[in-house]
């Protein structure tokens, strides 16, 4: 743990609690504790989703990125702060997930660059590190947008410059930086109108503030292990319960997944329910359906029956689901292989897919490797890199198929010595039309240009359930309603999937198109698919309609309109 500075060597001033410098071992301890603080606040950050869709994952992405960063130094006894910070930056780069994770890794890279070869860090170096973090992150984004994590990082760096003019105590400096960061975060809606419409602050900026807050609390000795913090009055829709969502490993104490459906008692109190569940396990979620609630939790082996007993104290248990997460992870690692053989000199396609059905289609289109991923499960830079580094060809095209996976794909591109291009596909339909241009023997540059041009030929529709009530883009949304998104923009909300889909097709001017492809999700039943297919065929009898089991989570339907 960080100790107050001393007069001799790193000596201690008995009359003062100032910390004027730290070494690599101190930094390791601070990052470890900050990681725990971030872990406890994942749900709070995830909830700051602009659109009311069940795919908020900024907190999860930032936590997994920081977890990867800490793993690089977990068993290290290095005390040189320059070397430790370089290891942290490298771990963050390889483990970066989502745009927020990639930007976080750039901030850490800038921080490390400022500390290169340094044994210890004092106030002057801390200020230099914040400035270099800001500069590196801004340079790493093609079109920086204000009102995001970048703005918060910039304002923190500016505050550091002012504070170090009169202050040498690292704790006092960090306190002032946090205060400036908090002001900056609260101002993000004034810089980014979509945040103001949604009534939220920037989630990436919030995550950065949480990380530094954890470091500050550790430095002053405040409690870090407080249990999972949930957004106030968090009650999800049943569709939002993130069952079976995993990222590469199971953490200690997460041996079993327990899901219980129950009818709540008349005096059911949600916050008290959360509070008592936090004493049992982690990854807690509570969802509400028609006169039915669902509780989800991860617990240690010896506690796998405790959640059932606890639910019984708050209502009548109706259905129980218990799954061994370790076995589940082994099963995931040995899933179907959606790859194709590729030869030296041929062009290889790497595609990201959120569901097995979609993965099978990509495989049929000749994709060399399919990476499992999408909303709430963004693959890391390292996972994308691993997908193609051992292929026998040096010509690679990556299809991220999600706007939040593009930056990690570009990071993998930069790390590879191969000829790699990232086609900026932001949806599954865009990835599909790009694949239709695929010819393994084609000239690389020509095919890249053809794929990029093809993205304009398809509109993407998405149907999902609203996670909260909100008015955005002129659409009044009520929690639990079915919402439509067209090319990522919220356009309609209603109580009916069929109605929302019909409005989506109308707004997309489908009458001027020729082809509609329907990918239905993992929780969508056959009757719903059949009914919607009939309605589409009746409304557009001259259009060709394809229907596929996509298997994607969160979205009942994804539509490709061409």
Protein backbone atom coordinates (compact mmCIF):
# COMPACT_ATOMS: atom_id res chain seq x y z
CA UNK A 1 0.00 0.00 0.00
CA UNK A 2 1.15 3.55 -0.70
CA UNK A 3 2.85 5.05 2.31
CA UNK A 4 3.32 8.74 3.20
CA UNK A 5 6.60 10.21 1.93
CA UNK A 6 9.72 10.31 4.05
CA UNK A 7 12.48 12.88 4.31
CA UNK A 8 15.37 10.44 3.77
CA UNK A 9 15.34 8.19 0.70
CA UNK A 10 11.62 7.96 0.22
CA UNK A 11 11.59 8.76 3.92
CA UNK A 12 8.61 9.49 6.08
CA UNK A 13 7.82 12.85 7.58
CA UNK A 14 6.28 11.95 10.92
CA UNK A 15 4.41 15.25 11.13
CA UNK A 16 2.89 14.95 7.70
CA UNK A 17 0.66 12.53 5.78
CA UNK A 18 1.75 13.86 2.41
CA UNK A 19 2.61 11.46 -0.40
CA UNK A 20 5.08 13.18 -2.69
CA UNK A 21 6.14 10.20 -4.77
CA UNK A 22 5.28 6.55 -5.48
CA UNK A 23 7.08 3.64 -7.10
CA UNK A 24 5.94 0.75 -9.30
CA UNK A 25 4.89 -1.44 -6.37
CA UNK A 26 2.70 1.39 -5.09
CA UNK A 27 1.15 1.83 -8.54
CA UNK A 28 0.42 -1.90 -8.74
CA UNK A 29 -1.42 -1.79 -5.42
CA UNK A 30 -3.42 1.29 -6.45
CA UNK A 31 -4.45 -0.27 -9.77
CA UNK A 32 -5.48 -3.50 -8.04
CA UNK A 33 -7.78 -1.65 -5.67
CA UNK A 34 -9.09 0.63 -8.39
CA UNK A 35 -9.95 -2.46 -10.43
CA UNK A 36 -12.12 -3.72 -7.58
CA UNK A 37 -13.83 -0.32 -7.28
CA UNK A 38 -14.52 -0.35 -11.02
CA UNK A 39 -15.87 -3.88 -10.82
CA UNK A 40 -18.38 -2.83 -8.17
CA UNK A 41 -19.58 0.05 -10.36
CA UNK A 42 -19.92 -1.76 -13.70
CA UNK A 43 -23.73 -1.75 -13.58
CA UNK A 44 -23.86 1.98 -12.82
CA UNK A 45 -21.70 2.75 -15.87
CA UNK A 46 -23.56 0.28 -18.10
CA UNK A 47 -26.86 1.97 -17.22
CA UNK A 48 -25.69 5.24 -18.81
CA UNK A 49 -26.83 4.04 -22.21
CA UNK A 50 -28.03 6.73 -24.62
CA UNK A 51 -30.66 4.58 -26.29
CA UNK A 52 -33.11 2.58 -24.13
CA UNK A 53 -31.83 -0.75 -25.48
CA UNK A 54 -30.57 -3.71 -23.41
CA UNK A 55 -26.97 -3.54 -24.57
CA UNK A 56 -25.18 -1.05 -22.31
CA UNK A 57 -21.66 -2.42 -21.89
CA UNK A 58 -19.24 0.47 -21.31
CA UNK A 59 -18.68 -0.46 -17.67
CA UNK A 60 -18.06 -4.09 -18.56
CA UNK A 61 -15.68 -3.17 -21.39
CA UNK A 62 -13.66 -0.80 -19.20
CA UNK A 63 -13.51 -3.32 -16.36
CA UNK A 64 -12.31 -6.14 -18.64
CA UNK A 65 -9.74 -3.81 -20.20
CA UNK A 66 -8.39 -2.82 -16.77
CA UNK A 67 -8.48 -6.46 -15.67
CA UNK A 68 -6.25 -7.35 -18.61
CA UNK A 69 -3.96 -4.44 -17.71
CA UNK A 70 -3.57 -5.61 -14.11
CA UNK A 71 -2.89 -9.21 -15.15
CA UNK A 72 0.32 -8.03 -16.79
CA UNK A 73 1.68 -6.98 -13.38
CA UNK A 74 -0.26 -9.28 -11.05
CA UNK A 75 2.75 -11.49 -10.25
CA UNK A 76 5.42 -8.86 -10.77
CA UNK A 77 7.67 -7.54 -8.01
CA UNK A 78 9.02 -4.75 -10.20
CA UNK A 79 9.40 -1.41 -8.40
CA UNK A 80 10.42 0.77 -11.33
CA UNK A 81 7.27 2.76 -12.07
CA UNK A 82 8.22 3.28 -15.72
CA UNK A 83 8.45 -0.47 -16.34
CA UNK A 84 5.25 -1.21 -14.41
CA UNK A 85 3.28 1.44 -16.29
CA UNK A 86 4.55 0.06 -19.62
CA UNK A 87 3.34 -3.43 -18.67
CA UNK A 88 -0.03 -2.00 -17.65
CA UNK A 89 -0.37 -0.17 -20.96
CA UNK A 90 0.51 -3.30 -22.94
CA UNK A 91 -2.02 -5.39 -21.02
CA UNK A 92 -4.71 -2.78 -21.61
CA UNK A 93 -3.91 -2.61 -25.33
CA UNK A 94 -4.22 -6.36 -25.83
CA UNK A 95 -7.31 -6.68 -23.64
CA UNK A 96 -9.11 -3.56 -24.88
CA UNK A 97 -12.81 -4.12 -25.58
CA UNK A 98 -15.20 -1.66 -27.16
CA UNK A 99 -14.43 1.94 -28.03
CA UNK A 100 -14.27 2.93 -24.37
CA UNK A 101 -11.73 0.18 -23.67
CA UNK A 102 -9.55 1.17 -26.62
CA UNK A 103 -9.55 4.85 -25.57
CA UNK A 104 -8.77 3.78 -21.99
CA UNK A 105 -5.80 1.77 -23.29
CA UNK A 106 -4.58 4.86 -25.18
CA UNK A 107 -4.83 6.95 -22.02
CA UNK A 108 -2.75 4.35 -20.20
CA UNK A 109 -0.24 4.23 -23.05
CA UNK A 110 0.24 8.00 -22.83
CA UNK A 111 0.61 7.77 -19.06
CA UNK A 112 3.29 5.10 -19.47
CA UNK A 113 5.13 7.08 -22.14
CA UNK A 114 5.56 9.99 -19.72
CA UNK A 115 7.00 7.67 -17.05
CA UNK A 116 9.36 5.75 -19.33
CA UNK A 117 12.62 4.80 -17.50
CA UNK A 118 11.52 6.59 -14.31
CA UNK A 119 12.02 4.90 -10.92
CA UNK A 120 9.37 6.90 -9.09
CA UNK A 121 6.63 9.38 -9.92
CA UNK A 122 6.31 12.77 -8.23
CA UNK A 123 3.91 15.66 -8.83
CA UNK A 124 5.81 16.94 -11.87
CA UNK A 125 5.77 13.52 -13.52
CA UNK A 126 2.11 12.94 -12.60
CA UNK A 127 1.21 16.17 -14.36
CA UNK A 128 3.30 15.17 -17.38
CA UNK A 129 1.60 11.76 -17.42
CA UNK A 130 -1.91 13.26 -17.43
CA UNK A 131 -0.94 15.60 -20.27
CA UNK A 132 0.58 12.78 -22.34
CA UNK A 133 -2.50 10.62 -21.67
CA UNK A 134 -4.74 13.33 -23.06
CA UNK A 135 -2.53 13.89 -26.11
CA UNK A 136 -2.22 10.19 -26.93
CA UNK A 137 -5.95 9.54 -26.62
CA UNK A 138 -6.90 12.48 -28.84
CA UNK A 139 -4.36 11.45 -31.49
CA UNK A 140 -5.72 7.90 -31.43
CA UNK A 141 -9.23 8.95 -32.48
CA UNK A 142 -9.76 9.95 -36.12
CA UNK A 143 -12.59 12.37 -35.32
CA UNK A 144 -12.52 13.28 -31.61
CA UNK A 145 -15.95 14.11 -30.21
CA UNK A 146 -16.33 16.47 -27.25
CA UNK A 147 -18.67 15.49 -24.45
CA UNK A 148 -17.04 12.07 -24.15
CA UNK A 149 -14.30 10.38 -22.14
CA UNK A 150 -11.82 12.45 -24.16
CA UNK A 151 -13.23 15.70 -22.80
CA UNK A 152 -13.12 14.43 -19.21
CA UNK A 153 -9.49 13.33 -19.69
CA UNK A 154 -8.62 16.73 -21.20
CA UNK A 155 -10.22 18.67 -18.34
CA UNK A 156 -8.48 16.48 -15.77
CA UNK A 157 -5.13 17.16 -17.44
CA UNK A 158 -5.81 20.91 -17.42
CA UNK A 159 -6.69 20.78 -13.73
CA UNK A 160 -3.46 18.92 -13.02
CA UNK A 161 -1.43 21.68 -14.68
CA UNK A 162 -3.02 24.30 -12.43
CA UNK A 163 -2.78 22.31 -9.19
CA UNK A 164 0.90 21.26 -9.45
CA UNK A 165 1.97 24.89 -9.57
CA UNK A 166 1.35 25.10 -5.82
CA UNK A 167 0.99 21.48 -4.66
CA UNK A 168 3.40 18.54 -4.35
CA UNK A 169 1.18 16.11 -2.43
CA UNK A 170 -0.03 13.47 -4.91
CA UNK A 171 -3.19 12.81 -2.91
CA UNK A 172 -4.16 16.47 -2.86
CA UNK A 173 -3.44 16.74 -6.58
CA UNK A 174 -5.55 13.68 -7.31
CA UNK A 175 -8.39 15.07 -5.21
CA UNK A 176 -8.37 18.27 -7.24
CA UNK A 177 -8.21 16.35 -10.52
CA UNK A 178 -11.20 14.25 -9.45
CA UNK A 179 -13.16 17.37 -8.61
CA UNK A 180 -12.43 18.81 -12.04
CA UNK A 181 -13.32 15.50 -13.65
CA UNK A 182 -16.67 15.45 -11.88
CA UNK A 183 -17.49 18.96 -13.14
CA UNK A 184 -16.42 17.95 -16.64
CA UNK A 185 -18.56 14.80 -16.56
CA UNK A 186 -21.65 16.72 -15.47
CA UNK A 187 -21.09 19.10 -18.38
CA UNK A 188 -20.90 16.39 -21.06
CA UNK A 189 -24.64 16.66 -21.91
CA UNK A 190 -24.10 20.34 -22.76
CA UNK A 191 -21.43 19.35 -25.30
CA UNK A 192 -23.14 16.32 -26.79
CA UNK A 193 -26.87 16.93 -27.45
CA UNK A 194 -27.77 13.23 -27.62
CA UNK A 195 -26.69 12.86 -23.97
CA UNK A 196 -28.97 15.73 -22.97
CA UNK A 197 -31.88 14.14 -24.84
CA UNK A 198 -31.25 10.85 -23.07
CA UNK A 199 -30.83 12.50 -19.67
CA UNK A 200 -27.45 10.85 -18.99
CA UNK A 201 -23.79 11.80 -18.69
CA UNK A 202 -21.14 10.15 -20.85
CA UNK A 203 -20.59 6.55 -19.76
CA UNK A 204 -16.90 6.44 -20.75
CA UNK A 205 -16.20 9.62 -18.81
CA UNK A 206 -18.00 8.13 -15.83
CA UNK A 207 -15.86 5.00 -16.08
CA UNK A 208 -12.66 7.05 -16.13
CA UNK A 209 -13.81 8.97 -13.08
CA UNK A 210 -14.60 5.70 -11.26
CA UNK A 211 -11.10 4.37 -12.00
CA UNK A 212 -9.41 7.46 -10.58
CA UNK A 213 -11.85 7.53 -7.66
CA UNK A 214 -10.78 3.99 -6.79
CA UNK A 215 -7.12 5.03 -6.85
CA UNK A 216 -7.87 8.03 -4.64
CA UNK A 217 -9.84 5.97 -2.11
CA UNK A 218 -7.04 3.43 -1.96
CA UNK A 219 -4.47 6.17 -1.41
CA UNK A 220 -6.35 7.64 1.56
CA UNK A 221 -7.25 4.24 3.00
CA UNK A 222 -10.99 4.32 2.40
CA UNK A 223 -12.96 1.09 1.97
CA UNK A 224 -12.94 -0.32 -1.56
CA UNK A 225 -14.72 -3.66 -1.27
CA UNK A 226 -18.27 -2.35 -0.83
CA UNK A 227 -20.11 -4.92 -2.97
CA UNK A 228 -21.84 -4.34 -6.28
CA UNK A 229 -23.37 -0.90 -6.69
CA UNK A 230 -26.61 -0.89 -8.66
CA UNK A 231 -28.31 2.08 -10.33
CA UNK A 232 -31.12 3.32 -8.13
CA UNK A 233 -34.33 1.34 -8.42
CA UNK A 234 -32.85 -0.95 -11.06
CA UNK A 235 -35.54 -3.25 -12.40
CA UNK A 236 -34.93 -4.76 -15.82
CA UNK A 237 -37.27 -6.33 -18.34
CA UNK A 238 -37.05 -10.12 -18.38
CA UNK A 239 -35.44 -9.93 -21.83
CA UNK A 240 -32.56 -7.95 -20.36
CA UNK A 241 -31.40 -10.58 -17.90
CA UNK A 242 -27.91 -11.23 -19.18
CA UNK A 243 -27.92 -14.98 -18.74
CA UNK A 244 -24.99 -16.98 -20.13
CA UNK A 245 -22.94 -13.88 -20.98
CA UNK A 246 -19.27 -14.57 -20.33
CA UNK A 247 -15.89 -13.14 -21.28
CA UNK A 248 -13.11 -15.70 -21.48
CA UNK A 249 -12.91 -16.67 -17.83
CA UNK A 250 -14.78 -17.22 -14.61
CA UNK A 251 -13.69 -15.11 -11.68
CA UNK A 252 -13.16 -16.63 -8.22
CA UNK A 253 -16.49 -16.99 -6.47
CA UNK A 254 -18.44 -17.28 -9.73
CA UNK A 255 -18.72 -21.05 -9.97
CA UNK A 256 -22.47 -21.27 -10.56
CA UNK A 257 -25.11 -19.18 -12.30
CA UNK A 258 -28.47 -19.22 -10.54
CA UNK A 259 -31.68 -17.87 -12.09
CA UNK A 260 -34.95 -17.92 -10.16
CA UNK A 261 -38.40 -16.89 -11.41
CA UNK A 262 -40.72 -15.82 -8.62
CA UNK A 263 -43.94 -14.01 -7.77
CA UNK A 264 -43.00 -11.15 -5.42
CA UNK A 265 -44.77 -10.68 -2.10
CA UNK A 266 -47.01 -7.64 -1.63
CA UNK A 267 -44.39 -5.83 0.45
CA UNK A 268 -41.51 -6.61 -1.95
CA UNK A 269 -38.75 -3.97 -1.66
CA UNK A 270 -36.30 -4.00 -4.56
CA UNK A 271 -33.37 -2.18 -2.98
CA UNK A 272 -33.48 -4.38 0.13
CA UNK A 273 -33.59 -7.43 -2.15
CA UNK A 274 -30.46 -6.23 -3.96
CA UNK A 275 -28.73 -5.49 -0.67
CA UNK A 276 -29.28 -8.98 0.69
CA UNK A 277 -28.30 -10.67 -2.58
CA UNK A 278 -25.00 -8.77 -2.54
CA UNK A 279 -23.99 -10.74 0.57
CA UNK A 280 -24.37 -13.97 -1.43
CA UNK A 281 -22.86 -13.37 -4.88
CA UNK A 282 -22.10 -11.11 -7.84
CA UNK A 283 -23.44 -10.24 -11.32
CA UNK A 284 -26.84 -9.58 -9.78
CA UNK A 285 -29.76 -8.69 -12.03
CA UNK A 286 -33.48 -8.49 -11.33
CA UNK A 287 -36.04 -8.40 -14.13
CA UNK A 288 -39.79 -7.84 -14.23
CA UNK A 289 -42.36 -9.52 -16.46
CA UNK A 290 -46.13 -10.03 -16.33
CA UNK A 291 -46.72 -10.74 -12.62
CA UNK A 292 -43.34 -12.44 -12.58
CA UNK A 293 -39.86 -11.43 -11.46
CA UNK A 294 -36.54 -13.05 -12.41
CA UNK A 295 -33.37 -12.98 -10.31
CA UNK A 296 -29.93 -13.71 -11.78
CA UNK A 297 -26.74 -14.15 -9.73
CA UNK A 298 -23.28 -15.78 -9.84
CA UNK A 299 -22.21 -17.59 -6.65
CA UNK A 300 -19.49 -19.84 -5.22
CA UNK A 301 -20.15 -23.59 -5.18
CA UNK A 302 -20.92 -23.68 -1.46
CA UNK A 303 -23.57 -20.97 -1.88
CA UNK A 304 -25.41 -22.26 -4.93
CA UNK A 305 -28.68 -22.89 -3.04
CA UNK A 306 -28.63 -19.71 -0.93
CA UNK A 307 -30.16 -17.47 -3.64
CA UNK A 308 -33.17 -19.79 -3.84
CA UNK A 309 -33.72 -19.56 -0.11
CA UNK A 310 -33.29 -15.79 -0.22
CA UNK A 311 -35.81 -15.40 -3.06
CA UNK A 312 -38.25 -17.46 -0.96
CA UNK A 313 -38.09 -14.76 1.70
CA UNK A 314 -39.23 -12.15 -0.83
CA UNK A 315 -41.84 -14.09 -2.80
CA UNK A 316 -43.01 -17.45 -4.11
CA UNK A 317 -40.44 -19.41 -6.10
CA UNK A 318 -41.80 -20.69 -9.41
CA UNK A 319 -38.86 -21.81 -11.55
CA UNK A 320 -35.18 -22.48 -10.86
CA UNK A 321 -32.20 -22.64 -13.21
CA UNK A 322 -28.70 -23.59 -11.99
CA UNK A 323 -25.73 -23.86 -14.35
CA UNK A 324 -22.11 -24.73 -13.66
CA UNK A 325 -20.22 -21.79 -15.16
CA UNK A 326 -16.93 -23.66 -15.40
CA UNK A 327 -18.53 -26.40 -17.48
CA UNK A 328 -20.38 -23.76 -19.48
CA UNK A 329 -17.07 -22.04 -20.26
CA UNK A 330 -15.51 -25.32 -21.38
CA UNK A 331 -18.51 -25.88 -23.65
CA UNK A 332 -18.14 -22.39 -25.12
CA UNK A 333 -14.46 -22.96 -25.81
CA UNK A 334 -15.30 -26.10 -27.77
CA UNK A 335 -18.22 -24.56 -29.72
CA UNK A 336 -18.77 -25.23 -33.40
CA UNK A 337 -15.91 -24.03 -35.53
CA UNK A 338 -17.28 -21.57 -38.10
CA UNK A 339 -14.05 -21.34 -40.08
CA UNK A 340 -12.95 -22.07 -43.65
CA UNK A 341 -9.59 -23.21 -44.94
CA UNK A 342 -7.52 -20.45 -46.48
CA UNK A 343 -4.39 -20.76 -48.61
CA UNK A 344 -1.26 -18.69 -48.86
CA UNK A 345 -1.83 -15.69 -51.13
CA UNK A 346 -5.60 -15.73 -50.77
CA UNK A 347 -7.58 -12.99 -49.03
CA UNK A 348 -8.96 -13.99 -45.63
CA UNK A 349 -12.10 -12.49 -44.09
CA UNK A 350 -12.50 -12.20 -40.32
CA UNK A 351 -16.07 -11.45 -39.21
CA UNK A 352 -17.60 -10.77 -35.80
CA UNK A 353 -20.96 -12.43 -35.13
CA UNK A 354 -23.41 -12.23 -32.19
CA UNK A 355 -25.16 -15.58 -32.78
CA UNK A 356 -24.51 -19.09 -34.06
CA UNK A 357 -27.08 -18.78 -36.86
CA UNK A 358 -25.41 -15.66 -38.18
CA UNK A 359 -22.01 -17.34 -37.80
CA UNK A 360 -23.17 -20.23 -40.00
CA UNK A 361 -24.19 -17.78 -42.72
CA UNK A 362 -20.81 -16.04 -42.57
CA UNK A 363 -19.16 -19.46 -42.84
CA UNK A 364 -21.26 -20.26 -45.92
CA UNK A 365 -20.06 -16.99 -47.48
CA UNK A 366 -16.42 -18.10 -47.19
CA UNK A 367 -15.30 -16.26 -44.05
CA UNK A 368 -11.99 -17.66 -42.79
CA UNK A 369 -12.68 -17.07 -39.08
CA UNK A 370 -15.79 -16.00 -37.19
CA UNK A 371 -15.29 -14.31 -33.82
CA UNK A 372 -18.13 -14.55 -31.33
CA UNK A 373 -19.09 -11.04 -30.24
CA UNK A 374 -21.48 -8.14 -30.45
CA UNK A 375 -23.26 -5.89 -27.97
CA UNK A 376 -22.36 -6.71 -24.32
CA UNK A 377 -19.70 -9.14 -25.57
CA UNK A 378 -17.18 -7.08 -27.52
CA UNK A 379 -14.09 -9.13 -28.44
CA UNK A 380 -10.74 -7.80 -27.26
CA UNK A 381 -7.93 -6.54 -29.46
CA UNK A 382 -6.01 -9.72 -28.69
CA UNK A 383 -8.93 -11.99 -29.62
CA UNK A 384 -9.25 -10.26 -32.99
CA UNK A 385 -5.49 -10.45 -33.57
CA UNK A 386 -5.39 -14.15 -32.64
CA UNK A 387 -8.11 -14.90 -35.19
CA UNK A 388 -5.83 -14.14 -38.14
CA UNK A 389 -2.19 -14.00 -37.04
CA UNK A 390 -1.64 -17.74 -37.59
CA UNK A 391 -3.44 -17.92 -40.93
CA UNK A 392 -1.18 -18.91 -43.85
CA UNK A 393 -1.99 -15.70 -45.75
CA UNK A 394 -0.83 -12.15 -45.16
CA UNK A 395 -3.94 -10.55 -46.71
CA UNK A 396 -6.69 -9.99 -44.17
CA UNK A 397 -9.98 -8.08 -44.11
CA UNK A 398 -11.81 -7.55 -40.80
CA UNK A 399 -15.58 -7.00 -40.61
CA UNK A 400 -16.38 -5.71 -37.07
CA UNK A 401 -20.15 -5.58 -37.77
CA UNK A 402 -20.65 -3.32 -34.77
CA UNK A 403 -19.64 0.32 -34.27
CA UNK A 404 -18.25 -0.53 -30.83
CA UNK A 405 -15.82 -3.12 -32.24
CA UNK A 406 -14.24 -0.98 -34.98
CA UNK A 407 -11.58 0.60 -32.76
CA UNK A 408 -10.44 -2.75 -31.32
CA UNK A 409 -10.25 -4.08 -34.89
CA UNK A 410 -8.10 -1.11 -35.90
CA UNK A 411 -5.87 -1.70 -32.88
CA UNK A 412 -5.37 -5.32 -33.99
CA UNK A 413 -4.61 -4.07 -37.50
CA UNK A 414 -1.81 -1.85 -36.19
CA UNK A 415 -0.30 -4.67 -34.14
CA UNK A 416 -0.05 -7.03 -37.10
CA UNK A 417 2.73 -7.13 -39.69
CA UNK A 418 0.27 -8.50 -42.23
CA UNK A 419 -1.63 -6.48 -44.82
CA UNK A 420 -4.83 -5.83 -42.87
CA UNK A 421 -7.83 -3.66 -43.70
CA UNK A 422 -10.82 -2.92 -41.47
CA UNK A 423 -14.08 -2.41 -43.35
CA UNK A 424 -16.14 -0.15 -41.02
CA UNK A 425 -19.24 -2.36 -40.92
CA UNK A 426 -21.51 -1.28 -38.08
CA UNK A 427 -24.15 -4.00 -38.41
CA UNK A 428 -24.69 -7.61 -39.42
CA UNK A 429 -26.48 -6.66 -42.68
CA UNK A 430 -23.50 -4.52 -43.70
CA UNK A 431 -21.18 -7.42 -42.95
CA UNK A 432 -23.33 -9.71 -45.08
CA UNK A 433 -23.38 -7.45 -48.14
CA UNK A 434 -19.63 -6.94 -47.84
CA UNK A 435 -19.12 -10.72 -47.81
CA UNK A 436 -21.13 -11.04 -51.01
CA UNK A 437 -18.21 -9.23 -52.72
CA UNK A 438 -15.72 -11.75 -51.40
CA UNK A 439 -13.42 -13.56 -53.80
CA UNK A 440 -10.38 -15.19 -52.15
CA UNK A 441 -8.39 -14.83 -55.39
CA UNK A 442 -9.25 -11.17 -56.04
CA UNK A 443 -6.86 -8.24 -55.93
CA UNK A 444 -6.76 -7.11 -52.30
CA UNK A 445 -7.13 -3.35 -52.81
CA UNK A 446 -9.93 -3.76 -55.36
CA UNK A 447 -11.96 -6.00 -53.07
CA UNK A 448 -11.49 -3.65 -50.12
CA UNK A 449 -12.90 -0.78 -52.21
CA UNK A 450 -15.81 -2.90 -53.45
CA UNK A 451 -16.70 -3.92 -49.89
CA UNK A 452 -16.61 -0.34 -48.68
CA UNK A 453 -18.85 0.78 -51.53
CA UNK A 454 -21.32 -2.04 -50.83
CA UNK A 455 -22.14 -0.70 -47.36
CA UNK A 456 -24.39 1.95 -48.91
CA UNK A 457 -26.55 -0.71 -50.55
CA UNK A 458 -28.27 -1.98 -47.37
CA UNK A 459 -30.34 -0.49 -44.56
CA UNK A 460 -30.23 -2.10 -41.13
CA UNK A 461 -33.32 -2.48 -38.97
CA UNK A 462 -33.33 -3.66 -35.37
CA UNK A 463 -36.23 -4.59 -33.10
CA UNK A 464 -35.77 -4.79 -29.33
CA UNK A 465 -37.43 -3.96 -26.00
CA UNK A 466 -37.04 -0.55 -24.32
CA UNK A 467 -35.18 -0.65 -21.02
CA UNK A 468 -36.47 2.70 -19.75
CA UNK A 469 -38.95 5.45 -20.51
CA UNK A 470 -37.49 8.33 -22.50
CA UNK A 471 -38.15 10.79 -25.30
CA UNK A 472 -35.37 10.84 -27.88
CA UNK A 473 -35.23 11.80 -31.56
CA UNK A 474 -38.83 12.95 -31.15
CA UNK A 475 -39.95 9.42 -30.21
CA UNK A 476 -41.77 8.97 -26.91
CA UNK A 477 -40.70 5.60 -25.48
CA UNK A 478 -42.22 3.77 -22.52
CA UNK A 479 -40.23 1.12 -20.69
CA UNK A 480 -41.15 -2.37 -21.89
CA UNK A 481 -42.37 -1.20 -25.31
CA UNK A 482 -40.99 -2.57 -28.56
CA UNK A 483 -38.68 -0.10 -30.28
CA UNK A 484 -37.34 0.09 -33.83
CA UNK A 485 -33.94 1.36 -34.89
CA UNK A 486 -33.04 2.17 -38.48
CA UNK A 487 -29.31 2.37 -39.22
CA UNK A 488 -28.69 2.87 -35.50
CA UNK A 489 -31.27 5.65 -35.04
CA UNK A 490 -34.32 5.20 -32.81
CA UNK A 491 -37.38 5.80 -35.00
CA UNK A 492 -40.46 4.17 -33.43
CA UNK A 493 -41.95 2.69 -30.26
CA UNK A 494 -45.13 0.68 -29.76
CA UNK A 495 -46.56 -2.20 -27.73
CA UNK A 496 -46.36 -4.62 -30.65
CA UNK A 497 -43.40 -6.23 -32.41
CA UNK A 498 -45.41 -6.45 -35.61
CA UNK A 499 -46.40 -2.78 -35.46
CA UNK A 500 -42.83 -1.66 -34.74
CA UNK A 501 -41.51 -3.74 -37.62
CA UNK A 502 -44.15 -2.45 -40.04
CA UNK A 503 -43.31 1.15 -39.14
CA UNK A 504 -39.62 0.42 -39.53
CA UNK A 505 -40.14 -0.94 -43.05
CA UNK A 506 -42.34 2.03 -43.92
CA UNK A 507 -39.81 4.62 -42.74
CA UNK A 508 -37.04 2.74 -44.57
CA UNK A 509 -39.05 3.17 -47.82
CA UNK A 510 -38.99 -0.56 -48.37
CA UNK A 511 -41.39 -0.21 -51.29
CA UNK A 512 -38.43 1.13 -53.27
CA UNK A 513 -36.26 -1.88 -52.38
CA UNK A 514 -36.30 -5.49 -53.59
CA UNK A 515 -35.04 -7.78 -50.85
CA UNK A 516 -35.73 -8.21 -47.11
CA UNK A 517 -33.78 -10.57 -44.86
CA UNK A 518 -35.06 -11.34 -41.37
CA UNK A 519 -32.68 -12.67 -38.68
CA UNK A 520 -34.59 -13.72 -35.56
CA UNK A 521 -33.04 -13.79 -32.10
CA UNK A 522 -32.39 -16.48 -29.52
CA UNK A 523 -35.56 -15.81 -27.49
CA UNK A 524 -37.92 -15.37 -30.44
CA UNK A 525 -40.48 -18.16 -30.85
CA UNK A 526 -41.56 -19.73 -34.15
CA UNK A 527 -45.11 -18.38 -33.98
CA UNK A 528 -43.81 -14.80 -33.73
CA UNK A 529 -41.48 -15.34 -36.69
CA UNK A 530 -44.24 -16.90 -38.80
CA UNK A 531 -46.71 -14.11 -38.03
CA UNK A 532 -44.23 -11.35 -38.85
CA UNK A 533 -43.16 -13.11 -42.06
CA UNK A 534 -46.79 -13.30 -43.19
CA UNK A 535 -47.32 -9.59 -42.51
CA UNK A 536 -44.18 -8.62 -44.44
CA UNK A 537 -45.12 -10.84 -47.40
CA UNK A 538 -48.62 -9.36 -47.48
CA UNK A 539 -47.33 -5.77 -47.29
CA UNK A 540 -44.56 -6.32 -49.86
CA UNK A 541 -45.71 -9.16 -52.15
CA UNK A 542 -43.20 -8.32 -54.89
CA UNK A 543 -40.21 -8.41 -52.53
CA UNK A 544 -38.00 -11.41 -51.94
CA UNK A 545 -38.08 -12.40 -48.24
CA UNK A 546 -35.44 -14.54 -46.54
CA UNK A 547 -35.82 -15.72 -42.94
CA UNK A 548 -32.89 -17.04 -40.86
CA UNK A 549 -32.37 -18.07 -37.26
CA UNK A 550 -29.68 -15.58 -36.27
CA UNK A 551 -29.50 -16.60 -32.62
CA UNK A 552 -28.49 -13.10 -31.54
CA UNK A 553 -29.21 -11.89 -27.97
CA UNK A 554 -31.08 -8.69 -27.01
CA UNK A 555 -32.65 -8.09 -30.42
CA UNK A 556 -35.75 -10.06 -31.38
CA UNK A 557 -35.17 -9.23 -35.04
CA UNK A 558 -32.43 -7.79 -37.24
CA UNK A 559 -33.51 -6.81 -40.74
CA UNK A 560 -31.47 -6.28 -43.88
CA UNK A 561 -33.34 -4.13 -46.40
CA UNK A 562 -31.82 -3.99 -49.90
